[in-house]
């Protein structure tokens, strides 16, 4: 991930949650591609977005990896919150993503011993 983009997401994550915010109508979703890989994205209408992906009009990554299946969705985010959550999921290892699919929760980092 580009350093500039990562910094923007970090700033967005630090914004005051009590401040007036945009409607929380965005979702973060994960697709399992035909080759077994996982794709993560955000959308207001996940079903419509999945339809565009399936027709080859979605992300370039998914075009050559059809068929696709929706395997995970987290609704209720503002756009900025969804972008931050998407970046966090994309930063997870493959095993942690599979664990997220099984449990519905991300694994927390273990506290390091001093």
PDB file of N, CA and C in Angstrom:
ATOM      1  N   UNK A   1       0.845  -1.169   0.000  1.00  0.00           N
ATOM      2  CA  UNK A   1       0.000   0.000   0.000  1.00  0.00           C
ATOM      3  C   UNK A   1       0.893   1.236   0.000  1.00  0.00           C
ATOM      4  N   UNK A   2       0.514   2.226  -0.775  1.00  0.00           N
ATOM      5  CA  UNK A   2       1.301   3.446  -0.853  1.00  0.00           C
ATOM      6  C   UNK A   2       1.314   4.168   0.493  1.00  0.00           C
ATOM      7  N   UNK A   3       2.448   4.766   0.796  1.00  0.00           N
ATOM      8  CA  UNK A   3       2.629   5.449   2.072  1.00  0.00           C
ATOM      9  C   UNK A   3       1.613   6.578   2.245  1.00  0.00           C
ATOM     10  N   UNK A   4       1.361   7.335   1.189  1.00  0.00           N
ATOM     11  CA  UNK A   4       0.418   8.456   1.247  1.00  0.00           C
ATOM     12  C   UNK A   4      -1.001   7.947   1.545  1.00  0.00           C
ATOM     13  N   UNK A   5      -1.394   6.878   0.877  1.00  0.00           N
ATOM     14  CA  UNK A   5      -2.724   6.307   1.076  1.00  0.00           C
ATOM     15  C   UNK A   5      -2.857   5.753   2.487  1.00  0.00           C
ATOM     16  N   UNK A   6      -1.821   5.079   2.972  1.00  0.00           N
ATOM     17  CA  UNK A   6      -1.847   4.512   4.317  1.00  0.00           C
ATOM     18  C   UNK A   6      -1.988   5.617   5.360  1.00  0.00           C
ATOM     19  N   UNK A   7      -1.280   6.716   5.173  1.00  0.00           N
ATOM     20  CA  UNK A   7      -1.370   7.834   6.127  1.00  0.00           C
ATOM     21  C   UNK A   7      -2.772   8.431   6.120  1.00  0.00           C
ATOM     22  N   UNK A   8      -3.379   8.571   4.937  1.00  0.00           N
ATOM     23  CA  UNK A   8      -4.732   9.103   4.849  1.00  0.00           C
ATOM     24  C   UNK A   8      -5.702   8.225   5.639  1.00  0.00           C
ATOM     25  N   UNK A   9      -5.569   6.917   5.519  1.00  0.00           N
ATOM     26  CA  UNK A   9      -6.443   5.997   6.243  1.00  0.00           C
ATOM     27  C   UNK A   9      -6.228   6.087   7.746  1.00  0.00           C
ATOM     28  N   UNK A  10      -4.980   6.257   8.169  1.00  0.00           N
ATOM     29  CA  UNK A  10      -4.702   6.396   9.595  1.00  0.00           C
ATOM     30  C   UNK A  10      -5.351   7.651  10.163  1.00  0.00           C
ATOM     31  N   UNK A  11      -5.299   8.751   9.431  1.00  0.00           N
ATOM     32  CA  UNK A  11      -5.923  10.003   9.873  1.00  0.00           C
ATOM     33  C   UNK A  11      -7.437   9.822   9.946  1.00  0.00           C
ATOM     34  N   UNK A  12      -8.013   9.166   8.943  1.00  0.00           N
ATOM     35  CA  UNK A  12      -9.453   8.934   8.939  1.00  0.00           C
ATOM     36  C   UNK A  12      -9.873   8.098  10.139  1.00  0.00           C
ATOM     37  N   UNK A  13      -9.062   7.135  10.524  1.00  0.00           N
ATOM     38  CA  UNK A  13      -9.377   6.262  11.653  1.00  0.00           C
ATOM     39  C   UNK A  13      -9.341   7.018  12.982  1.00  0.00           C
ATOM     40  N   UNK A  14      -8.581   8.089  13.053  1.00  0.00           N
ATOM     41  CA  UNK A  14      -8.439   8.852  14.292  1.00  0.00           C
ATOM     42  C   UNK A  14      -9.507   9.931  14.469  1.00  0.00           C
ATOM     43  N   UNK A  15     -10.330  10.170  13.477  1.00  0.00           N
ATOM     44  CA  UNK A  15     -11.361  11.203  13.583  1.00  0.00           C
ATOM     45  C   UNK A  15     -12.284  10.924  14.758  1.00  0.00           C
ATOM     46  N   UNK A  16     -12.784  11.982  15.327  1.00  0.00           N
ATOM     47  CA  UNK A  16     -13.671  11.898  16.490  1.00  0.00           C
ATOM     48  C   UNK A  16     -14.986  11.241  16.088  1.00  0.00           C
ATOM     49  N   UNK A  17     -15.335  10.082  16.687  1.00  0.00           N
ATOM     50  CA  UNK A  17     -16.577   9.405  16.330  1.00  0.00           C
ATOM     51  C   UNK A  17     -17.820  10.168  16.763  1.00  0.00           C
ATOM     52  N   UNK A  18     -17.684  11.138  17.671  1.00  0.00           N
ATOM     53  CA  UNK A  18     -18.830  11.906  18.131  1.00  0.00           C
ATOM     54  C   UNK A  18     -19.178  13.049  17.176  1.00  0.00           C
ATOM     55  N   UNK A  19     -18.272  13.355  16.249  1.00  0.00           N
ATOM     56  CA  UNK A  19     -18.544  14.444  15.317  1.00  0.00           C
ATOM     57  C   UNK A  19     -19.608  14.022  14.307  1.00  0.00           C
ATOM     58  N   UNK A  20     -20.316  15.007  13.734  1.00  0.00           N
ATOM     59  CA  UNK A  20     -21.345  14.659  12.752  1.00  0.00           C
ATOM     60  C   UNK A  20     -20.714  13.871  11.603  1.00  0.00           C
ATOM     61  N   UNK A  21     -21.335  12.784  11.267  1.00  0.00           N
ATOM     62  CA  UNK A  21     -20.751  11.904  10.248  1.00  0.00           C
ATOM     63  C   UNK A  21     -21.745  11.666   9.126  1.00  0.00           C
ATOM     64  N   UNK A  22     -21.229  11.157   8.049  1.00  0.00           N
ATOM     65  CA  UNK A  22     -22.052  10.769   6.912  1.00  0.00           C
ATOM     66  C   UNK A  22     -22.879   9.547   7.297  1.00  0.00           C
ATOM     67  N   UNK A  23     -23.928   9.257   6.550  1.00  0.00           N
ATOM     68  CA  UNK A  23     -24.734   8.072   6.847  1.00  0.00           C
ATOM     69  C   UNK A  23     -23.888   6.797   6.779  1.00  0.00           C
ATOM     70  N   UNK A  24     -24.202   5.872   7.659  1.00  0.00           N
ATOM     71  CA  UNK A  24     -23.467   4.605   7.729  1.00  0.00           C
ATOM     72  C   UNK A  24     -24.141   3.581   6.812  1.00  0.00           C
ATOM     73  N   UNK A  25     -24.050   3.818   5.508  1.00  0.00           N
ATOM     74  CA  UNK A  25     -24.709   2.929   4.563  1.00  0.00           C
ATOM     75  C   UNK A  25     -23.736   2.189   3.656  1.00  0.00           C
ATOM     76  N   UNK A  26     -22.485   2.115   4.059  1.00  0.00           N
ATOM     77  CA  UNK A  26     -21.467   1.385   3.297  1.00  0.00           C
ATOM     78  C   UNK A  26     -21.194   0.037   3.944  1.00  0.00           C
ATOM     79  N   UNK A  27     -20.796  -0.917   3.133  1.00  0.00           N
ATOM     80  CA  UNK A  27     -20.427  -2.254   3.618  1.00  0.00           C
ATOM     81  C   UNK A  27     -19.042  -2.610   3.122  1.00  0.00           C
ATOM     82  N   UNK A  28     -18.347  -3.403   3.910  1.00  0.00           N
ATOM     83  CA  UNK A  28     -17.087  -4.015   3.498  1.00  0.00           C
ATOM     84  C   UNK A  28     -17.431  -5.463   3.157  1.00  0.00           C
ATOM     85  N   UNK A  29     -16.912  -5.956   2.034  1.00  0.00           N
ATOM     86  CA  UNK A  29     -17.251  -7.314   1.632  1.00  0.00           C
ATOM     87  C   UNK A  29     -16.012  -8.065   1.156  1.00  0.00           C
ATOM     88  N   UNK A  30     -16.114  -9.392   1.212  1.00  0.00           N
ATOM     89  CA  UNK A  30     -15.048 -10.251   0.679  1.00  0.00           C
ATOM     90  C   UNK A  30     -15.664 -11.240  -0.297  1.00  0.00           C
ATOM     91  N   UNK A  31     -14.967 -11.451  -1.401  1.00  0.00           N
ATOM     92  CA  UNK A  31     -15.375 -12.424  -2.405  1.00  0.00           C
ATOM     93  C   UNK A  31     -14.340 -13.524  -2.479  1.00  0.00           C
ATOM     94  N   UNK A  32     -14.803 -14.741  -2.700  1.00  0.00           N
ATOM     95  CA  UNK A  32     -13.879 -15.833  -3.004  1.00  0.00           C
ATOM     96  C   UNK A  32     -13.917 -16.002  -4.518  1.00  0.00           C
ATOM     97  N   UNK A  33     -12.767 -15.881  -5.121  1.00  0.00           N
ATOM     98  CA  UNK A  33     -12.654 -15.973  -6.575  1.00  0.00           C
ATOM     99  C   UNK A  33     -12.561 -17.435  -7.014  1.00  0.00           C
ATOM    100  N   UNK A  34     -12.734 -17.653  -8.306  1.00  0.00           N
ATOM    101  CA  UNK A  34     -12.696 -18.996  -8.863  1.00  0.00           C
ATOM    102  C   UNK A  34     -11.385 -19.717  -8.623  1.00  0.00           C
ATOM    103  N   UNK A  35     -10.290 -18.975  -8.476  1.00  0.00           N
ATOM    104  CA  UNK A  35      -8.990 -19.595  -8.219  1.00  0.00           C
ATOM    105  C   UNK A  35      -8.718 -19.777  -6.728  1.00  0.00           C
ATOM    106  N   UNK A  36      -9.710 -19.446  -5.877  1.00  0.00           N
ATOM    107  CA  UNK A  36      -9.567 -19.614  -4.433  1.00  0.00           C
ATOM    108  C   UNK A  36      -9.040 -18.389  -3.713  1.00  0.00           C
ATOM    109  N   UNK A  37      -8.609 -17.380  -4.445  1.00  0.00           N
ATOM    110  CA  UNK A  37      -8.106 -16.173  -3.803  1.00  0.00           C
ATOM    111  C   UNK A  37      -9.264 -15.353  -3.233  1.00  0.00           C
ATOM    112  N   UNK A  38      -8.927 -14.413  -2.376  1.00  0.00           N
ATOM    113  CA  UNK A  38      -9.932 -13.559  -1.738  1.00  0.00           C
ATOM    114  C   UNK A  38      -9.771 -12.122  -2.211  1.00  0.00           C
ATOM    115  N   UNK A  39     -10.880 -11.452  -2.453  1.00  0.00           N
ATOM    116  CA  UNK A  39     -10.898 -10.056  -2.864  1.00  0.00           C
ATOM    117  C   UNK A  39     -11.726  -9.282  -1.841  1.00  0.00           C
ATOM    118  N   UNK A  40     -11.231  -8.143  -1.395  1.00  0.00           N
ATOM    119  CA  UNK A  40     -11.939  -7.309  -0.429  1.00  0.00           C
ATOM    120  C   UNK A  40     -12.250  -5.970  -1.059  1.00  0.00           C
ATOM    121  N   UNK A  41     -13.469  -5.476  -0.820  1.00  0.00           N
ATOM    122  CA  UNK A  41     -13.870  -4.184  -1.357  1.00  0.00           C
ATOM    123  C   UNK A  41     -14.933  -3.541  -0.493  1.00  0.00           C
ATOM    124  N   UNK A  42     -15.381  -2.349  -0.911  1.00  0.00           N
ATOM    125  CA  UNK A  42     -16.462  -1.651  -0.213  1.00  0.00           C
ATOM    126  C   UNK A  42     -17.531  -1.275  -1.230  1.00  0.00           C
ATOM    127  N   UNK A  43     -18.764  -1.159  -0.762  1.00  0.00           N
ATOM    128  CA  UNK A  43     -19.863  -0.760  -1.641  1.00  0.00           C
ATOM    129  C   UNK A  43     -21.064  -0.349  -0.813  1.00  0.00           C
ATOM    130  N   UNK A  44     -21.914   0.465  -1.391  1.00  0.00           N
ATOM    131  CA  UNK A  44     -23.191   0.789  -0.761  1.00  0.00           C
ATOM    132  C   UNK A  44     -24.180  -0.346  -1.003  1.00  0.00           C
ATOM    133  N   UNK A  45     -24.178  -0.880  -2.214  1.00  0.00           N
ATOM    134  CA  UNK A  45     -25.076  -1.964  -2.601  1.00  0.00           C
ATOM    135  C   UNK A  45     -24.212  -3.162  -3.002  1.00  0.00           C
ATOM    136  N   UNK A  46     -23.978  -4.052  -2.068  1.00  0.00           N
ATOM    137  CA  UNK A  46     -23.059  -5.175  -2.290  1.00  0.00           C
ATOM    138  C   UNK A  46     -23.565  -6.109  -3.392  1.00  0.00           C
ATOM    139  N   UNK A  47     -24.866  -6.370  -3.427  1.00  0.00           N
ATOM    140  CA  UNK A  47     -25.406  -7.273  -4.443  1.00  0.00           C
ATOM    141  C   UNK A  47     -25.193  -6.718  -5.845  1.00  0.00           C
ATOM    142  N   UNK A  48     -25.429  -5.416  -6.021  1.00  0.00           N
ATOM    143  CA  UNK A  48     -25.210  -4.788  -7.329  1.00  0.00           C
ATOM    144  C   UNK A  48     -23.726  -4.821  -7.692  1.00  0.00           C
ATOM    145  N   UNK A  49     -22.877  -4.585  -6.713  1.00  0.00           N
ATOM    146  CA  UNK A  49     -21.431  -4.604  -6.952  1.00  0.00           C
ATOM    147  C   UNK A  49     -20.973  -6.012  -7.331  1.00  0.00           C
ATOM    148  N   UNK A  50     -21.503  -7.021  -6.653  1.00  0.00           N
ATOM    149  CA  UNK A  50     -21.176  -8.406  -6.983  1.00  0.00           C
ATOM    150  C   UNK A  50     -21.614  -8.714  -8.417  1.00  0.00           C
ATOM    151  N   UNK A  51     -22.781  -8.207  -8.812  1.00  0.00           N
ATOM    152  CA  UNK A  51     -23.253  -8.394 -10.175  1.00  0.00           C
ATOM    153  C   UNK A  51     -22.291  -7.801 -11.195  1.00  0.00           C
ATOM    154  N   UNK A  52     -21.765  -6.599 -10.916  1.00  0.00           N
ATOM    155  CA  UNK A  52     -20.792  -5.986 -11.829  1.00  0.00           C
ATOM    156  C   UNK A  52     -19.508  -6.796 -11.866  1.00  0.00           C
ATOM    157  N   UNK A  53     -19.058  -7.259 -10.709  1.00  0.00           N
ATOM    158  CA  UNK A  53     -17.857  -8.106 -10.681  1.00  0.00           C
ATOM    159  C   UNK A  53     -18.078  -9.360 -11.526  1.00  0.00           C
ATOM    160  N   UNK A  54     -19.213 -10.003 -11.346  1.00  0.00           N
ATOM    161  CA  UNK A  54     -19.505 -11.272 -12.028  1.00  0.00           C
ATOM    162  C   UNK A  54     -19.616 -11.114 -13.542  1.00  0.00           C
ATOM    163  N   UNK A  55     -19.995  -9.914 -13.993  1.00  0.00           N
ATOM    164  CA  UNK A  55     -20.093  -9.658 -15.433  1.00  0.00           C
ATOM    165  C   UNK A  55     -18.773  -9.174 -16.027  1.00  0.00           C
ATOM    166  N   UNK A  56     -17.726  -9.134 -15.201  1.00  0.00           N
ATOM    167  CA  UNK A  56     -16.423  -8.693 -15.686  1.00  0.00           C
ATOM    168  C   UNK A  56     -16.283  -7.188 -15.735  1.00  0.00           C
ATOM    169  N   UNK A  57     -17.198  -6.457 -15.096  1.00  0.00           N
ATOM    170  CA  UNK A  57     -17.143  -4.995 -15.092  1.00  0.00           C
ATOM    171  C   UNK A  57     -16.795  -4.446 -13.719  1.00  0.00           C
ATOM    172  N   UNK A  58     -16.280  -5.290 -12.844  1.00  0.00           N
ATOM    173  CA  UNK A  58     -15.862  -4.845 -11.516  1.00  0.00           C
ATOM    174  C   UNK A  58     -14.379  -4.539 -11.526  1.00  0.00           C
ATOM    175  N   UNK A  59     -13.702  -4.883 -10.480  1.00  0.00           N
ATOM    176  CA  UNK A  59     -12.264  -4.641 -10.368  1.00  0.00           C
ATOM    177  C   UNK A  59     -11.485  -5.493 -11.361  1.00  0.00           C
ATOM    178  N   UNK A  60     -10.358  -4.986 -11.806  1.00  0.00           N
ATOM    179  CA  UNK A  60      -9.513  -5.715 -12.739  1.00  0.00           C
ATOM    180  C   UNK A  60      -9.080  -7.059 -12.145  1.00  0.00           C
ATOM    181  N   UNK A  61      -8.864  -7.100 -10.828  1.00  0.00           N
ATOM    182  CA  UNK A  61      -8.421  -8.330 -10.178  1.00  0.00           C
ATOM    183  C   UNK A  61      -9.423  -9.462 -10.366  1.00  0.00           C
ATOM    184  N   UNK A  62     -10.705  -9.153 -10.286  1.00  0.00           N
ATOM    185  CA  UNK A  62     -11.721 -10.210 -10.333  1.00  0.00           C
ATOM    186  C   UNK A  62     -12.089 -10.632 -11.759  1.00  0.00           C
ATOM    187  N   UNK A  63     -11.767  -9.828 -12.748  1.00  0.00           N
ATOM    188  CA  UNK A  63     -12.165 -10.129 -14.132  1.00  0.00           C
ATOM    189  C   UNK A  63     -11.683 -11.475 -14.631  1.00  0.00           C
ATOM    190  N   UNK A  64     -10.466 -11.820 -14.285  1.00  0.00           N
ATOM    191  CA  UNK A  64      -9.897 -13.079 -14.781  1.00  0.00           C
ATOM    192  C   UNK A  64      -9.991 -14.206 -13.762  1.00  0.00           C
ATOM    193  N   UNK A  65     -10.764 -13.990 -12.704  1.00  0.00           N
ATOM    194  CA  UNK A  65     -10.854 -14.994 -11.636  1.00  0.00           C
ATOM    195  C   UNK A  65     -12.301 -15.415 -11.364  1.00  0.00           C
ATOM    196  N   UNK A  66     -13.112 -15.438 -12.389  1.00  0.00           N
ATOM    197  CA  UNK A  66     -14.517 -15.844 -12.261  1.00  0.00           C
ATOM    198  C   UNK A  66     -14.608 -17.346 -12.110  1.00  0.00           C
ATOM    199  N   UNK A  67     -15.627 -17.907 -11.503  1.00  0.00           N
ATOM    200  CA  UNK A  67     -16.776 -17.279 -10.867  1.00  0.00           C
ATOM    201  C   UNK A  67     -16.427 -16.759  -9.479  1.00  0.00           C
ATOM    202  N   UNK A  68     -17.300 -15.908  -8.958  1.00  0.00           N
ATOM    203  CA  UNK A  68     -17.096 -15.270  -7.665  1.00  0.00           C
ATOM    204  C   UNK A  68     -18.222 -15.637  -6.707  1.00  0.00           C
ATOM    205  N   UNK A  69     -17.900 -15.671  -5.428  1.00  0.00           N
ATOM    206  CA  UNK A  69     -18.915 -15.939  -4.401  1.00  0.00           C
ATOM    207  C   UNK A  69     -18.718 -14.959  -3.253  1.00  0.00           C
ATOM    208  N   UNK A  70     -19.806 -14.350  -2.809  1.00  0.00           N
ATOM    209  CA  UNK A  70     -19.758 -13.469  -1.651  1.00  0.00           C
ATOM    210  C   UNK A  70     -19.614 -14.331  -0.404  1.00  0.00           C
ATOM    211  N   UNK A  71     -18.531 -14.118   0.357  1.00  0.00           N
ATOM    212  CA  UNK A  71     -18.276 -14.957   1.526  1.00  0.00           C
ATOM    213  C   UNK A  71     -18.313 -14.181   2.847  1.00  0.00           C
ATOM    214  N   UNK A  72     -18.300 -12.847   2.776  1.00  0.00           N
ATOM    215  CA  UNK A  72     -18.285 -12.061   4.015  1.00  0.00           C
ATOM    216  C   UNK A  72     -18.790 -10.659   3.727  1.00  0.00           C
ATOM    217  N   UNK A  73     -19.578 -10.128   4.678  1.00  0.00           N
ATOM    218  CA  UNK A  73     -20.066  -8.751   4.564  1.00  0.00           C
ATOM    219  C   UNK A  73     -20.165  -8.143   5.943  1.00  0.00           C
ATOM    220  N   UNK A  74     -19.724  -6.901   6.056  1.00  0.00           N
ATOM    221  CA  UNK A  74     -19.823  -6.131   7.294  1.00  0.00           C
ATOM    222  C   UNK A  74     -20.520  -4.812   6.967  1.00  0.00           C
ATOM    223  N   UNK A  75     -21.825  -4.698   7.232  1.00  0.00           N
ATOM    224  CA  UNK A  75     -22.544  -3.456   6.926  1.00  0.00           C
ATOM    225  C   UNK A  75     -22.419  -2.432   8.048  1.00  0.00           C
ATOM    226  N   UNK A  76     -22.915  -1.211   7.765  1.00  0.00           N
ATOM    227  CA  UNK A  76     -23.034  -0.208   8.809  1.00  0.00           C
ATOM    228  C   UNK A  76     -21.863   0.734   8.976  1.00  0.00           C
ATOM    229  N   UNK A  77     -21.115   0.987   7.919  1.00  0.00           N
ATOM    230  CA  UNK A  77     -19.977   1.898   7.994  1.00  0.00           C
ATOM    231  C   UNK A  77     -20.258   3.170   7.208  1.00  0.00           C
ATOM    232  N   UNK A  78     -19.604   4.260   7.595  1.00  0.00           N
ATOM    233  CA  UNK A  78     -19.542   5.425   6.725  1.00  0.00           C
ATOM    234  C   UNK A  78     -18.500   5.086   5.664  1.00  0.00           C
ATOM    235  N   UNK A  79     -18.390   5.896   4.628  1.00  0.00           N
ATOM    236  CA  UNK A  79     -17.425   5.586   3.574  1.00  0.00           C
ATOM    237  C   UNK A  79     -15.999   5.561   4.136  1.00  0.00           C
ATOM    238  N   UNK A  80     -15.656   6.544   4.951  1.00  0.00           N
ATOM    239  CA  UNK A  80     -14.296   6.586   5.495  1.00  0.00           C
ATOM    240  C   UNK A  80     -14.034   5.405   6.426  1.00  0.00           C
ATOM    241  N   UNK A  81     -15.020   5.028   7.244  1.00  0.00           N
ATOM    242  CA  UNK A  81     -14.847   3.863   8.115  1.00  0.00           C
ATOM    243  C   UNK A  81     -14.675   2.591   7.284  1.00  0.00           C
ATOM    244  N   UNK A  82     -15.428   2.490   6.193  1.00  0.00           N
ATOM    245  CA  UNK A  82     -15.333   1.315   5.327  1.00  0.00           C
ATOM    246  C   UNK A  82     -13.952   1.233   4.677  1.00  0.00           C
ATOM    247  N   UNK A  83     -13.414   2.368   4.253  1.00  0.00           N
ATOM    248  CA  UNK A  83     -12.074   2.369   3.658  1.00  0.00           C
ATOM    249  C   UNK A  83     -11.020   1.929   4.668  1.00  0.00           C
ATOM    250  N   UNK A  84     -11.158   2.398   5.903  1.00  0.00           N
ATOM    251  CA  UNK A  84     -10.210   2.013   6.951  1.00  0.00           C
ATOM    252  C   UNK A  84     -10.313   0.509   7.223  1.00  0.00           C
ATOM    253  N   UNK A  85     -11.545  -0.003   7.357  1.00  0.00           N
ATOM    254  CA  UNK A  85     -11.746  -1.435   7.626  1.00  0.00           C
ATOM    255  C   UNK A  85     -11.236  -2.281   6.459  1.00  0.00           C
ATOM    256  N   UNK A  86     -11.495  -1.835   5.228  1.00  0.00           N
ATOM    257  CA  UNK A  86     -11.002  -2.552   4.050  1.00  0.00           C
ATOM    258  C   UNK A  86      -9.483  -2.657   4.083  1.00  0.00           C
ATOM    259  N   UNK A  87      -8.806  -1.559   4.403  1.00  0.00           N
ATOM    260  CA  UNK A  87      -7.344  -1.560   4.471  1.00  0.00           C
ATOM    261  C   UNK A  87      -6.846  -2.510   5.544  1.00  0.00           C
ATOM    262  N   UNK A  88      -7.538  -2.554   6.684  1.00  0.00           N
ATOM    263  CA  UNK A  88      -7.134  -3.466   7.762  1.00  0.00           C
ATOM    264  C   UNK A  88      -7.296  -4.920   7.338  1.00  0.00           C
ATOM    265  N   UNK A  89      -8.377  -5.234   6.646  1.00  0.00           N
ATOM    266  CA  UNK A  89      -8.585  -6.608   6.183  1.00  0.00           C
ATOM    267  C   UNK A  89      -7.543  -6.975   5.138  1.00  0.00           C
ATOM    268  N   UNK A  90      -7.271  -6.068   4.219  1.00  0.00           N
ATOM    269  CA  UNK A  90      -6.284  -6.351   3.175  1.00  0.00           C
ATOM    270  C   UNK A  90      -4.889  -6.568   3.760  1.00  0.00           C
ATOM    271  N   UNK A  91      -4.609  -5.958   4.904  1.00  0.00           N
ATOM    272  CA  UNK A  91      -3.302  -6.113   5.538  1.00  0.00           C
ATOM    273  C   UNK A  91      -3.160  -7.439   6.288  1.00  0.00           C
ATOM    274  N   UNK A  92      -4.274  -8.154   6.497  1.00  0.00           N
ATOM    275  CA  UNK A  92      -4.218  -9.433   7.206  1.00  0.00           C
ATOM    276  C   UNK A  92      -3.544 -10.505   6.364  1.00  0.00           C
ATOM    277  N   UNK A  93      -2.975 -11.485   7.022  1.00  0.00           N
ATOM    278  CA  UNK A  93      -2.416 -12.639   6.319  1.00  0.00           C
ATOM    279  C   UNK A  93      -3.555 -13.497   5.776  1.00  0.00           C
ATOM    280  N   UNK A  94      -3.229 -14.399   4.886  1.00  0.00           N
ATOM    281  CA  UNK A  94      -4.251 -15.287   4.321  1.00  0.00           C
ATOM    282  C   UNK A  94      -4.940 -16.090   5.435  1.00  0.00           C
ATOM    283  N   UNK A  95      -4.156 -16.593   6.372  1.00  0.00           N
ATOM    284  CA  UNK A  95      -4.713 -17.367   7.483  1.00  0.00           C
ATOM    285  C   UNK A  95      -5.659 -16.543   8.346  1.00  0.00           C
ATOM    286  N   UNK A  96      -5.294 -15.293   8.599  1.00  0.00           N
ATOM    287  CA  UNK A  96      -6.146 -14.418   9.400  1.00  0.00           C
ATOM    288  C   UNK A  96      -7.437 -14.095   8.653  1.00  0.00           C
ATOM    289  N   UNK A  97      -7.357 -13.957   7.330  1.00  0.00           N
ATOM    290  CA  UNK A  97      -8.574 -13.722   6.538  1.00  0.00           C
ATOM    291  C   UNK A  97      -9.488 -14.939   6.586  1.00  0.00           C
ATOM    292  N   UNK A  98      -8.910 -16.129   6.481  1.00  0.00           N
ATOM    293  CA  UNK A  98      -9.718 -17.353   6.563  1.00  0.00           C
ATOM    294  C   UNK A  98     -10.362 -17.467   7.949  1.00  0.00           C
ATOM    295  N   UNK A  99      -9.621 -17.084   8.992  1.00  0.00           N
ATOM    296  CA  UNK A  99     -10.162 -17.095  10.352  1.00  0.00           C
ATOM    297  C   UNK A  99     -11.320 -16.113  10.472  1.00  0.00           C
ATOM    298  N   UNK A 100     -11.182 -14.946   9.857  1.00  0.00           N
ATOM    299  CA  UNK A 100     -12.256 -13.959   9.839  1.00  0.00           C
ATOM    300  C   UNK A 100     -13.511 -14.549   9.191  1.00  0.00           C
ATOM    301  N   UNK A 101     -13.335 -15.303   8.121  1.00  0.00           N
ATOM    302  CA  UNK A 101     -14.478 -15.922   7.454  1.00  0.00           C
ATOM    303  C   UNK A 101     -15.145 -16.964   8.338  1.00  0.00           C
ATOM    304  N   UNK A 102     -14.344 -17.711   9.102  1.00  0.00           N
ATOM    305  CA  UNK A 102     -14.897 -18.752   9.974  1.00  0.00           C
ATOM    306  C   UNK A 102     -15.602 -18.174  11.190  1.00  0.00           C
ATOM    307  N   UNK A 103     -14.981 -17.168  11.805  1.00  0.00           N
ATOM    308  CA  UNK A 103     -15.494 -16.652  13.081  1.00  0.00           C
ATOM    309  C   UNK A 103     -16.290 -15.362  12.952  1.00  0.00           C
ATOM    310  N   UNK A 104     -16.075 -14.642  11.853  1.00  0.00           N
ATOM    311  CA  UNK A 104     -16.726 -13.347  11.705  1.00  0.00           C
ATOM    312  C   UNK A 104     -15.995 -12.236  12.433  1.00  0.00           C
ATOM    313  N   UNK A 105     -14.842 -12.548  13.034  1.00  0.00           N
ATOM    314  CA  UNK A 105     -14.057 -11.559  13.771  1.00  0.00           C
ATOM    315  C   UNK A 105     -12.599 -11.645  13.367  1.00  0.00           C
ATOM    316  N   UNK A 106     -11.917 -10.526  13.404  1.00  0.00           N
ATOM    317  CA  UNK A 106     -10.479 -10.508  13.144  1.00  0.00           C
ATOM    318  C   UNK A 106      -9.733 -10.947  14.393  1.00  0.00           C
ATOM    319  N   UNK A 107      -8.632 -11.628  14.186  1.00  0.00           N
ATOM    320  CA  UNK A 107      -7.791 -12.007  15.319  1.00  0.00           C
ATOM    321  C   UNK A 107      -7.068 -10.768  15.833  1.00  0.00           C
ATOM    322  N   UNK A 108      -7.030 -10.600  17.147  1.00  0.00           N
ATOM    323  CA  UNK A 108      -6.329  -9.462  17.728  1.00  0.00           C
ATOM    324  C   UNK A 108      -4.865  -9.823  17.898  1.00  0.00           C
ATOM    325  N   UNK A 109      -4.030  -8.800  17.781  1.00  0.00           N
ATOM    326  CA  UNK A 109      -2.584  -9.024  17.989  1.00  0.00           C
ATOM    327  C   UNK A 109      -2.349  -9.340  19.448  1.00  0.00           C
ATOM    328  N   UNK A 110      -1.487 -10.301  19.690  1.00  0.00           N
ATOM    329  CA  UNK A 110      -1.137 -10.658  21.068  1.00  0.00           C
ATOM    330  C   UNK A 110      -0.194  -9.590  21.621  1.00  0.00           C
ATOM    331  N   UNK A 111      -0.380  -9.278  22.898  1.00  0.00           N
ATOM    332  CA  UNK A 111       0.488  -8.304  23.547  1.00  0.00           C
ATOM    333  C   UNK A 111       1.901  -8.849  23.623  1.00  0.00           C
ATOM    334  N   UNK A 112       2.853  -8.010  23.281  1.00  0.00           N
ATOM    335  CA  UNK A 112       4.252  -8.436  23.334  1.00  0.00           C
ATOM    336  C   UNK A 112       4.763  -8.357  24.753  1.00  0.00           C
ATOM    337  N   UNK A 113       5.566  -9.327  25.125  1.00  0.00           N
ATOM    338  CA  UNK A 113       6.160  -9.327  26.467  1.00  0.00           C
ATOM    339  C   UNK A 113       7.317  -8.355  26.502  1.00  0.00           C
ATOM    340  N   UNK A 114       7.452  -7.619  27.613  1.00  0.00           N
ATOM    341  CA  UNK A 114       8.556  -6.633  27.718  1.00  0.00           C
ATOM    342  C   UNK A 114       9.906  -7.297  27.786  1.00  0.00           C
TER     343      UNK A 114
END
